[in-house]
Amino acid sequence: MGSANTHDELVRIVLDGLLEAVPAEAGAILMAKEGKEFEVSAHRHRDPSVHRYTPVSDFIVFCLAEKRSWRKTRTAIVTCAIASR
């Protein structure tokens, strides 16, 4: 992460590292805006041919924003396993 020269590079490095560490199909970095709003800073799917972003549900974002630990540290990792149908 220390090699990143820009915010975009840092976000990409963090996202790549998370996808190496977690067996998820996709990942995203959400940045806090004013209040309880978040915006997507970066997203990536393991399959390089998939470029679409599936938004995090409003319920998960609401729960994250309400967590006391989030408000204190301004960081969180949200994971879930979704079985293929």
PDB file of N, CA and C in Angstrom:
ATOM      1  N   MET A   1       0.816  -1.184   0.000  1.00  0.00           N
ATOM      2  CA  MET A   1       0.000   0.000   0.000  1.00  0.00           C
ATOM      3  C   MET A   1       0.864   1.254   0.000  1.00  0.00           C
ATOM      4  N   GLY A   2       2.050   1.140   0.550  1.00  0.00           N
ATOM      5  CA  GLY A   2       2.937   2.283   0.590  1.00  0.00           C
ATOM      6  C   GLY A   2       3.419   2.711  -0.774  1.00  0.00           C
ATOM      7  N   SER A   3       3.265   1.842  -1.775  1.00  0.00           N
ATOM      8  CA  SER A   3       3.711   2.178  -3.125  1.00  0.00           C
ATOM      9  C   SER A   3       2.689   3.014  -3.895  1.00  0.00           C
ATOM     10  N   ALA A   4       1.501   3.165  -3.336  1.00  0.00           N
ATOM     11  CA  ALA A   4       0.449   3.921  -4.022  1.00  0.00           C
ATOM     12  C   ALA A   4       0.761   5.404  -3.999  1.00  0.00           C
ATOM     13  N   ASN A   5       0.624   6.037  -5.159  1.00  0.00           N
ATOM     14  CA  ASN A   5       0.867   7.473  -5.278  1.00  0.00           C
ATOM     15  C   ASN A   5      -0.419   8.285  -5.306  1.00  0.00           C
ATOM     16  N   THR A   6      -1.537   7.617  -5.579  1.00  0.00           N
ATOM     17  CA  THR A   6      -2.822   8.309  -5.668  1.00  0.00           C
ATOM     18  C   THR A   6      -3.876   7.527  -4.893  1.00  0.00           C
ATOM     19  N   HIS A   7      -4.990   8.180  -4.658  1.00  0.00           N
ATOM     20  CA  HIS A   7      -6.120   7.531  -4.002  1.00  0.00           C
ATOM     21  C   HIS A   7      -6.593   6.333  -4.825  1.00  0.00           C
ATOM     22  N   ASP A   8      -6.695   6.503  -6.140  1.00  0.00           N
ATOM     23  CA  ASP A   8      -7.157   5.412  -7.007  1.00  0.00           C
ATOM     24  C   ASP A   8      -6.225   4.208  -6.941  1.00  0.00           C
ATOM     25  N   GLU A   9      -4.924   4.445  -6.919  1.00  0.00           N
ATOM     26  CA  GLU A   9      -3.966   3.340  -6.808  1.00  0.00           C
ATOM     27  C   GLU A   9      -4.111   2.628  -5.470  1.00  0.00           C
ATOM     28  N   LEU A  10      -4.281   3.393  -4.398  1.00  0.00           N
ATOM     29  CA  LEU A  10      -4.433   2.804  -3.073  1.00  0.00           C
ATOM     30  C   LEU A  10      -5.683   1.934  -3.001  1.00  0.00           C
ATOM     31  N   VAL A  11      -6.783   2.442  -3.526  1.00  0.00           N
ATOM     32  CA  VAL A  11      -8.037   1.686  -3.518  1.00  0.00           C
ATOM     33  C   VAL A  11      -7.873   0.389  -4.312  1.00  0.00           C
ATOM     34  N   ARG A  12      -7.211   0.439  -5.459  1.00  0.00           N
ATOM     35  CA  ARG A  12      -7.001  -0.755  -6.274  1.00  0.00           C
ATOM     36  C   ARG A  12      -6.146  -1.774  -5.525  1.00  0.00           C
ATOM     37  N   ILE A  13      -5.078  -1.319  -4.871  1.00  0.00           N
ATOM     38  CA  ILE A  13      -4.193  -2.221  -4.132  1.00  0.00           C
ATOM     39  C   ILE A  13      -4.946  -2.884  -2.973  1.00  0.00           C
ATOM     40  N   VAL A  14      -5.732  -2.102  -2.247  1.00  0.00           N
ATOM     41  CA  VAL A  14      -6.507  -2.653  -1.128  1.00  0.00           C
ATOM     42  C   VAL A  14      -7.520  -3.671  -1.634  1.00  0.00           C
ATOM     43  N   LEU A  15      -8.219  -3.350  -2.709  1.00  0.00           N
ATOM     44  CA  LEU A  15      -9.214  -4.268  -3.264  1.00  0.00           C
ATOM     45  C   LEU A  15      -8.557  -5.545  -3.762  1.00  0.00           C
ATOM     46  N   ASP A  16      -7.436  -5.441  -4.441  1.00  0.00           N
ATOM     47  CA  ASP A  16      -6.710  -6.629  -4.892  1.00  0.00           C
ATOM     48  C   ASP A  16      -6.300  -7.495  -3.702  1.00  0.00           C
ATOM     49  N   GLY A  17      -5.809  -6.872  -2.635  1.00  0.00           N
ATOM     50  CA  GLY A  17      -5.402  -7.608  -1.442  1.00  0.00           C
ATOM     51  C   GLY A  17      -6.560  -8.315  -0.769  1.00  0.00           C
ATOM     52  N   LEU A  18      -7.708  -7.633  -0.688  1.00  0.00           N
ATOM     53  CA  LEU A  18      -8.882  -8.263  -0.094  1.00  0.00           C
ATOM     54  C   LEU A  18      -9.337  -9.468  -0.902  1.00  0.00           C
ATOM     55  N   LEU A  19      -9.309  -9.348  -2.232  1.00  0.00           N
ATOM     56  CA  LEU A  19      -9.738 -10.474  -3.062  1.00  0.00           C
ATOM     57  C   LEU A  19      -8.740 -11.620  -3.025  1.00  0.00           C
ATOM     58  N   GLU A  20      -7.483 -11.340  -2.711  1.00  0.00           N
ATOM     59  CA  GLU A  20      -6.507 -12.412  -2.514  1.00  0.00           C
ATOM     60  C   GLU A  20      -6.761 -13.139  -1.198  1.00  0.00           C
ATOM     61  N   ALA A  21      -7.190 -12.400  -0.184  1.00  0.00           N
ATOM     62  CA  ALA A  21      -7.351 -12.955   1.158  1.00  0.00           C
ATOM     63  C   ALA A  21      -8.712 -13.613   1.393  1.00  0.00           C
ATOM     64  N   VAL A  22      -9.725 -13.178   0.660  1.00  0.00           N
ATOM     65  CA  VAL A  22     -11.090 -13.652   0.881  1.00  0.00           C
ATOM     66  C   VAL A  22     -11.585 -14.359  -0.375  1.00  0.00           C
ATOM     67  N   PRO A  23     -12.197 -15.538  -0.225  1.00  0.00           N
ATOM     68  CA  PRO A  23     -12.668 -16.259  -1.414  1.00  0.00           C
ATOM     69  C   PRO A  23     -13.996 -15.720  -1.955  1.00  0.00           C
ATOM     70  N   ALA A  24     -14.035 -14.435  -2.205  1.00  0.00           N
ATOM     71  CA  ALA A  24     -15.240 -13.796  -2.737  1.00  0.00           C
ATOM     72  C   ALA A  24     -15.161 -13.720  -4.258  1.00  0.00           C
ATOM     73  N   GLU A  25     -16.315 -13.712  -4.907  1.00  0.00           N
ATOM     74  CA  GLU A  25     -16.352 -13.552  -6.358  1.00  0.00           C
ATOM     75  C   GLU A  25     -16.125 -12.109  -6.766  1.00  0.00           C
ATOM     76  N   ALA A  26     -16.525 -11.190  -5.894  1.00  0.00           N
ATOM     77  CA  ALA A  26     -16.428  -9.772  -6.216  1.00  0.00           C
ATOM     78  C   ALA A  26     -16.184  -8.981  -4.944  1.00  0.00           C
ATOM     79  N   GLY A  27     -15.687  -7.768  -5.126  1.00  0.00           N
ATOM     80  CA  GLY A  27     -15.466  -6.892  -3.993  1.00  0.00           C
ATOM     81  C   GLY A  27     -15.644  -5.452  -4.402  1.00  0.00           C
ATOM     82  N   ALA A  28     -15.861  -4.616  -3.403  1.00  0.00           N
ATOM     83  CA  ALA A  28     -16.019  -3.190  -3.665  1.00  0.00           C
ATOM     84  C   ALA A  28     -15.513  -2.413  -2.463  1.00  0.00           C
ATOM     85  N   ILE A  29     -15.026  -1.226  -2.732  1.00  0.00           N
ATOM     86  CA  ILE A  29     -14.621  -0.292  -1.687  1.00  0.00           C
ATOM     87  C   ILE A  29     -15.652   0.831  -1.709  1.00  0.00           C
ATOM     88  N   LEU A  30     -16.315   1.029  -0.578  1.00  0.00           N
ATOM     89  CA  LEU A  30     -17.291   2.103  -0.443  1.00  0.00           C
ATOM     90  C   LEU A  30     -16.698   3.170   0.457  1.00  0.00           C
ATOM     91  N   MET A  31     -16.828   4.401   0.061  1.00  0.00           N
ATOM     92  CA  MET A  31     -16.315   5.524   0.836  1.00  0.00           C
ATOM     93  C   MET A  31     -17.497   6.287   1.426  1.00  0.00           C
ATOM     94  N   ALA A  32     -17.348   6.696   2.677  1.00  0.00           N
ATOM     95  CA  ALA A  32     -18.408   7.442   3.352  1.00  0.00           C
ATOM     96  C   ALA A  32     -18.507   8.851   2.796  1.00  0.00           C
ATOM     97  N   LYS A  33     -19.736   9.268   2.592  1.00  0.00           N
ATOM     98  CA  LYS A  33     -20.012  10.656   2.228  1.00  0.00           C
ATOM     99  C   LYS A  33     -20.661  11.310   3.441  1.00  0.00           C
ATOM    100  N   GLU A  34     -21.369  12.354   3.239  1.00  0.00           N
ATOM    101  CA  GLU A  34     -22.055  13.026   4.343  1.00  0.00           C
ATOM    102  C   GLU A  34     -23.150  12.132   4.918  1.00  0.00           C
ATOM    103  N   GLY A  35     -23.344  12.240   6.212  1.00  0.00           N
ATOM    104  CA  GLY A  35     -24.403  11.481   6.868  1.00  0.00           C
ATOM    105  C   GLY A  35     -24.176   9.988   6.764  1.00  0.00           C
ATOM    106  N   LYS A  36     -25.169   9.289   6.258  1.00  0.00           N
ATOM    107  CA  LYS A  36     -25.100   7.831   6.146  1.00  0.00           C
ATOM    108  C   LYS A  36     -25.027   7.397   4.688  1.00  0.00           C
ATOM    109  N   GLU A  37     -24.509   8.244   3.850  1.00  0.00           N
ATOM    110  CA  GLU A  37     -24.395   7.956   2.426  1.00  0.00           C
ATOM    111  C   GLU A  37     -23.009   7.393   2.111  1.00  0.00           C
ATOM    112  N   PHE A  38     -22.971   6.468   1.150  1.00  0.00           N
ATOM    113  CA  PHE A  38     -21.726   5.881   0.699  1.00  0.00           C
ATOM    114  C   PHE A  38     -21.661   5.951  -0.818  1.00  0.00           C
ATOM    115  N   GLU A  39     -20.439   6.002  -1.353  1.00  0.00           N
ATOM    116  CA  GLU A  39     -20.270   5.947  -2.801  1.00  0.00           C
ATOM    117  C   GLU A  39     -19.210   4.901  -3.121  1.00  0.00           C
ATOM    118  N   VAL A  40     -19.353   4.269  -4.278  1.00  0.00           N
ATOM    119  CA  VAL A  40     -18.416   3.238  -4.705  1.00  0.00           C
ATOM    120  C   VAL A  40     -17.140   3.910  -5.187  1.00  0.00           C
ATOM    121  N   SER A  41     -16.035   3.537  -4.564  1.00  0.00           N
ATOM    122  CA  SER A  41     -14.740   4.069  -4.967  1.00  0.00           C
ATOM    123  C   SER A  41     -14.087   3.145  -5.989  1.00  0.00           C
ATOM    124  N   ALA A  42     -14.328   1.837  -5.843  1.00  0.00           N
ATOM    125  CA  ALA A  42     -13.804   0.848  -6.792  1.00  0.00           C
ATOM    126  C   ALA A  42     -14.581  -0.450  -6.617  1.00  0.00           C
ATOM    127  N   HIS A  43     -14.638  -1.223  -7.681  1.00  0.00           N
ATOM    128  CA  HIS A  43     -15.239  -2.552  -7.604  1.00  0.00           C
ATOM    129  C   HIS A  43     -14.524  -3.450  -8.596  1.00  0.00           C
ATOM    130  N   ARG A  44     -14.538  -4.751  -8.295  1.00  0.00           N
ATOM    131  CA  ARG A  44     -13.877  -5.699  -9.189  1.00  0.00           C
ATOM    132  C   ARG A  44     -14.474  -7.075  -8.991  1.00  0.00           C
ATOM    133  N   HIS A  45     -14.569  -7.806 -10.062  1.00  0.00           N
ATOM    134  CA  HIS A  45     -15.018  -9.202 -10.055  1.00  0.00           C
ATOM    135  C   HIS A  45     -13.806 -10.061 -10.372  1.00  0.00           C
ATOM    136  N   ARG A  46     -13.763 -11.275  -9.814  1.00  0.00           N
ATOM    137  CA  ARG A  46     -12.634 -12.171 -10.099  1.00  0.00           C
ATOM    138  C   ARG A  46     -12.517 -12.481 -11.588  1.00  0.00           C
ATOM    139  N   ASP A  47     -13.655 -12.584 -12.244  1.00  0.00           N
ATOM    140  CA  ASP A  47     -13.672 -12.843 -13.687  1.00  0.00           C
ATOM    141  C   ASP A  47     -13.451 -11.505 -14.396  1.00  0.00           C
ATOM    142  N   PRO A  48     -12.304 -11.332 -15.051  1.00  0.00           N
ATOM    143  CA  PRO A  48     -12.012 -10.037 -15.673  1.00  0.00           C
ATOM    144  C   PRO A  48     -13.004  -9.618 -16.759  1.00  0.00           C
ATOM    145  N   SER A  49     -13.813 -10.558 -17.246  1.00  0.00           N
ATOM    146  CA  SER A  49     -14.789 -10.188 -18.275  1.00  0.00           C
ATOM    147  C   SER A  49     -16.054  -9.564 -17.664  1.00  0.00           C
ATOM    148  N   VAL A  50     -16.218  -9.654 -16.348  1.00  0.00           N
ATOM    149  CA  VAL A  50     -17.378  -9.073 -15.671  1.00  0.00           C
ATOM    150  C   VAL A  50     -17.010  -7.682 -15.190  1.00  0.00           C
ATOM    151  N   HIS A  51     -17.712  -6.674 -15.720  1.00  0.00           N
ATOM    152  CA  HIS A  51     -17.406  -5.287 -15.372  1.00  0.00           C
ATOM    153  C   HIS A  51     -18.545  -4.593 -14.646  1.00  0.00           C
ATOM    154  N   ARG A  52     -19.681  -5.238 -14.535  1.00  0.00           N
ATOM    155  CA  ARG A  52     -20.826  -4.591 -13.894  1.00  0.00           C
ATOM    156  C   ARG A  52     -20.665  -4.618 -12.371  1.00  0.00           C
ATOM    157  N   TYR A  53     -21.268  -3.654 -11.704  1.00  0.00           N
ATOM    158  CA  TYR A  53     -21.253  -3.571 -10.249  1.00  0.00           C
ATOM    159  C   TYR A  53     -22.656  -3.853  -9.743  1.00  0.00           C
ATOM    160  N   THR A  54     -22.774  -4.791  -8.817  1.00  0.00           N
ATOM    161  CA  THR A  54     -24.044  -5.064  -8.173  1.00  0.00           C
ATOM    162  C   THR A  54     -24.045  -4.308  -6.854  1.00  0.00           C
ATOM    163  N   PRO A  55     -24.900  -3.329  -6.712  1.00  0.00           N
ATOM    164  CA  PRO A  55     -24.877  -2.485  -5.513  1.00  0.00           C
ATOM    165  C   PRO A  55     -25.118  -3.270  -4.228  1.00  0.00           C
ATOM    166  N   VAL A  56     -24.501  -2.798  -3.164  1.00  0.00           N
ATOM    167  CA  VAL A  56     -24.756  -3.327  -1.831  1.00  0.00           C
ATOM    168  C   VAL A  56     -26.167  -2.894  -1.451  1.00  0.00           C
ATOM    169  N   SER A  57     -26.910  -3.786  -0.799  1.00  0.00           N
ATOM    170  CA  SER A  57     -28.293  -3.456  -0.463  1.00  0.00           C
ATOM    171  C   SER A  57     -28.355  -2.276   0.504  1.00  0.00           C
ATOM    172  N   ASP A  58     -29.429  -1.524   0.400  1.00  0.00           N
ATOM    173  CA  ASP A  58     -29.627  -0.380   1.299  1.00  0.00           C
ATOM    174  C   ASP A  58     -29.657  -0.838   2.754  1.00  0.00           C
ATOM    175  N   PHE A  59     -30.195  -2.030   2.994  1.00  0.00           N
ATOM    176  CA  PHE A  59     -30.264  -2.555   4.370  1.00  0.00           C
ATOM    177  C   PHE A  59     -28.864  -2.753   4.946  1.00  0.00           C
ATOM    178  N   ILE A  60     -27.960  -3.333   4.168  1.00  0.00           N
ATOM    179  CA  ILE A  60     -26.590  -3.548   4.648  1.00  0.00           C
ATOM    180  C   ILE A  60     -25.906  -2.212   4.889  1.00  0.00           C
ATOM    181  N   VAL A  61     -26.086  -1.269   4.002  1.00  0.00           N
ATOM    182  CA  VAL A  61     -25.480   0.054   4.177  1.00  0.00           C
ATOM    183  C   VAL A  61     -26.052   0.720   5.425  1.00  0.00           C
ATOM    184  N   PHE A  62     -27.358   0.602   5.640  1.00  0.00           N
ATOM    185  CA  PHE A  62     -27.985   1.181   6.825  1.00  0.00           C
ATOM    186  C   PHE A  62     -27.411   0.549   8.093  1.00  0.00           C
ATOM    187  N   CYS A  63     -27.309  -0.780   8.123  1.00  0.00           N
ATOM    188  CA  CYS A  63     -26.766  -1.476   9.295  1.00  0.00           C
ATOM    189  C   CYS A  63     -25.321  -1.059   9.547  1.00  0.00           C
ATOM    190  N   LEU A  64     -24.550  -0.951   8.486  1.00  0.00           N
ATOM    191  CA  LEU A  64     -23.154  -0.532   8.618  1.00  0.00           C
ATOM    192  C   LEU A  64     -23.069   0.874   9.197  1.00  0.00           C
ATOM    193  N   ALA A  65     -23.880   1.760   8.698  1.00  0.00           N
ATOM    194  CA  ALA A  65     -23.849   3.148   9.157  1.00  0.00           C
ATOM    195  C   ALA A  65     -24.286   3.268  10.618  1.00  0.00           C
ATOM    196  N   GLU A  66     -25.128   2.358  11.063  1.00  0.00           N
ATOM    197  CA  GLU A  66     -25.620   2.401  12.434  1.00  0.00           C
ATOM    198  C   GLU A  66     -24.661   1.772  13.436  1.00  0.00           C
ATOM    199  N   LYS A  67     -23.703   0.968  12.967  1.00  0.00           N
ATOM    200  CA  LYS A  67     -22.794   0.284  13.892  1.00  0.00           C
ATOM    201  C   LYS A  67     -21.909   1.291  14.611  1.00  0.00           C
ATOM    202  N   ARG A  68     -21.828   1.152  15.904  1.00  0.00           N
ATOM    203  CA  ARG A  68     -21.024   2.057  16.721  1.00  0.00           C
ATOM    204  C   ARG A  68     -19.553   1.987  16.328  1.00  0.00           C
ATOM    205  N   SER A  69     -19.040   0.761  16.031  1.00  0.00           N
ATOM    206  CA  SER A  69     -17.628   0.623  15.669  1.00  0.00           C
ATOM    207  C   SER A  69     -17.317   1.365  14.373  1.00  0.00           C
ATOM    208  N   TRP A  70     -18.261   1.388  13.438  1.00  0.00           N
ATOM    209  CA  TRP A  70     -18.056   2.113  12.178  1.00  0.00           C
ATOM    210  C   TRP A  70     -17.897   3.598  12.444  1.00  0.00           C
ATOM    211  N   ARG A  71     -18.766   4.124  13.269  1.00  0.00           N
ATOM    212  CA  ARG A  71     -18.732   5.561  13.540  1.00  0.00           C
ATOM    213  C   ARG A  71     -17.439   5.969  14.235  1.00  0.00           C
ATOM    214  N   LYS A  72     -16.866   5.068  15.025  1.00  0.00           N
ATOM    215  CA  LYS A  72     -15.645   5.388  15.757  1.00  0.00           C
ATOM    216  C   LYS A  72     -14.413   5.308  14.855  1.00  0.00           C
ATOM    217  N   THR A  73     -14.276   4.230  14.074  1.00  0.00           N
ATOM    218  CA  THR A  73     -13.054   4.012  13.294  1.00  0.00           C
ATOM    219  C   THR A  73     -13.167   4.450  11.845  1.00  0.00           C
ATOM    220  N   ARG A  74     -14.386   4.591  11.328  1.00  0.00           N
ATOM    221  CA  ARG A  74     -14.646   4.940   9.922  1.00  0.00           C
ATOM    222  C   ARG A  74     -14.158   3.862   8.959  1.00  0.00           C
ATOM    223  N   THR A  75     -14.002   2.617   9.451  1.00  0.00           N
ATOM    224  CA  THR A  75     -13.625   1.498   8.598  1.00  0.00           C
ATOM    225  C   THR A  75     -14.501   0.299   8.924  1.00  0.00           C
ATOM    226  N   ALA A  76     -14.734  -0.540   7.936  1.00  0.00           N
ATOM    227  CA  ALA A  76     -15.496  -1.766   8.151  1.00  0.00           C
ATOM    228  C   ALA A  76     -15.238  -2.709   6.990  1.00  0.00           C
ATOM    229  N   ILE A  77     -15.318  -3.984   7.277  1.00  0.00           N
ATOM    230  CA  ILE A  77     -15.272  -4.999   6.227  1.00  0.00           C
ATOM    231  C   ILE A  77     -16.572  -5.773   6.321  1.00  0.00           C
ATOM    232  N   VAL A  78     -17.290  -5.820   5.227  1.00  0.00           N
ATOM    233  CA  VAL A  78     -18.557  -6.533   5.181  1.00  0.00           C
ATOM    234  C   VAL A  78     -18.374  -7.704   4.242  1.00  0.00           C
ATOM    235  N   THR A  79     -18.687  -8.896   4.712  1.00  0.00           N
ATOM    236  CA  THR A  79     -18.574 -10.073   3.865  1.00  0.00           C
ATOM    237  C   THR A  79     -19.851 -10.879   3.937  1.00  0.00           C
ATOM    238  N   CYS A  80     -20.126 -11.600   2.889  1.00  0.00           N
ATOM    239  CA  CYS A  80     -21.233 -12.539   2.920  1.00  0.00           C
ATOM    240  C   CYS A  80     -21.002 -13.581   1.841  1.00  0.00           C
ATOM    241  N   ALA A  81     -21.528 -14.741   2.064  1.00  0.00           N
ATOM    242  CA  ALA A  81     -21.442 -15.815   1.088  1.00  0.00           C
ATOM    243  C   ALA A  81     -22.799 -15.989   0.450  1.00  0.00           C
ATOM    244  N   ILE A  82     -22.845 -15.940  -0.839  1.00  0.00           N
ATOM    245  CA  ILE A  82     -24.087 -16.119  -1.565  1.00  0.00           C
ATOM    246  C   ILE A  82     -23.931 -17.356  -2.431  1.00  0.00           C
ATOM    247  N   ALA A  83     -24.749 -18.349  -2.175  1.00  0.00           N
ATOM    248  CA  ALA A  83     -24.649 -19.609  -2.920  1.00  0.00           C
ATOM    249  C   ALA A  83     -25.101 -19.410  -4.354  1.00  0.00           C
ATOM    250  N   SER A  84     -24.407 -20.061  -5.270  1.00  0.00           N
ATOM    251  CA  SER A  84     -24.824 -20.016  -6.671  1.00  0.00           C
ATOM    252  C   SER A  84     -26.098 -20.814  -6.828  1.00  0.00           C
ATOM    253  N   ARG A  85     -26.980 -20.309  -7.656  1.00  0.00           N
ATOM    254  CA  ARG A  85     -28.252 -21.010  -7.874  1.00  0.00           C
ATOM    255  C   ARG A  85     -28.219 -21.759  -9.156  1.00  0.00           C
TER     256      ARG A  85
END
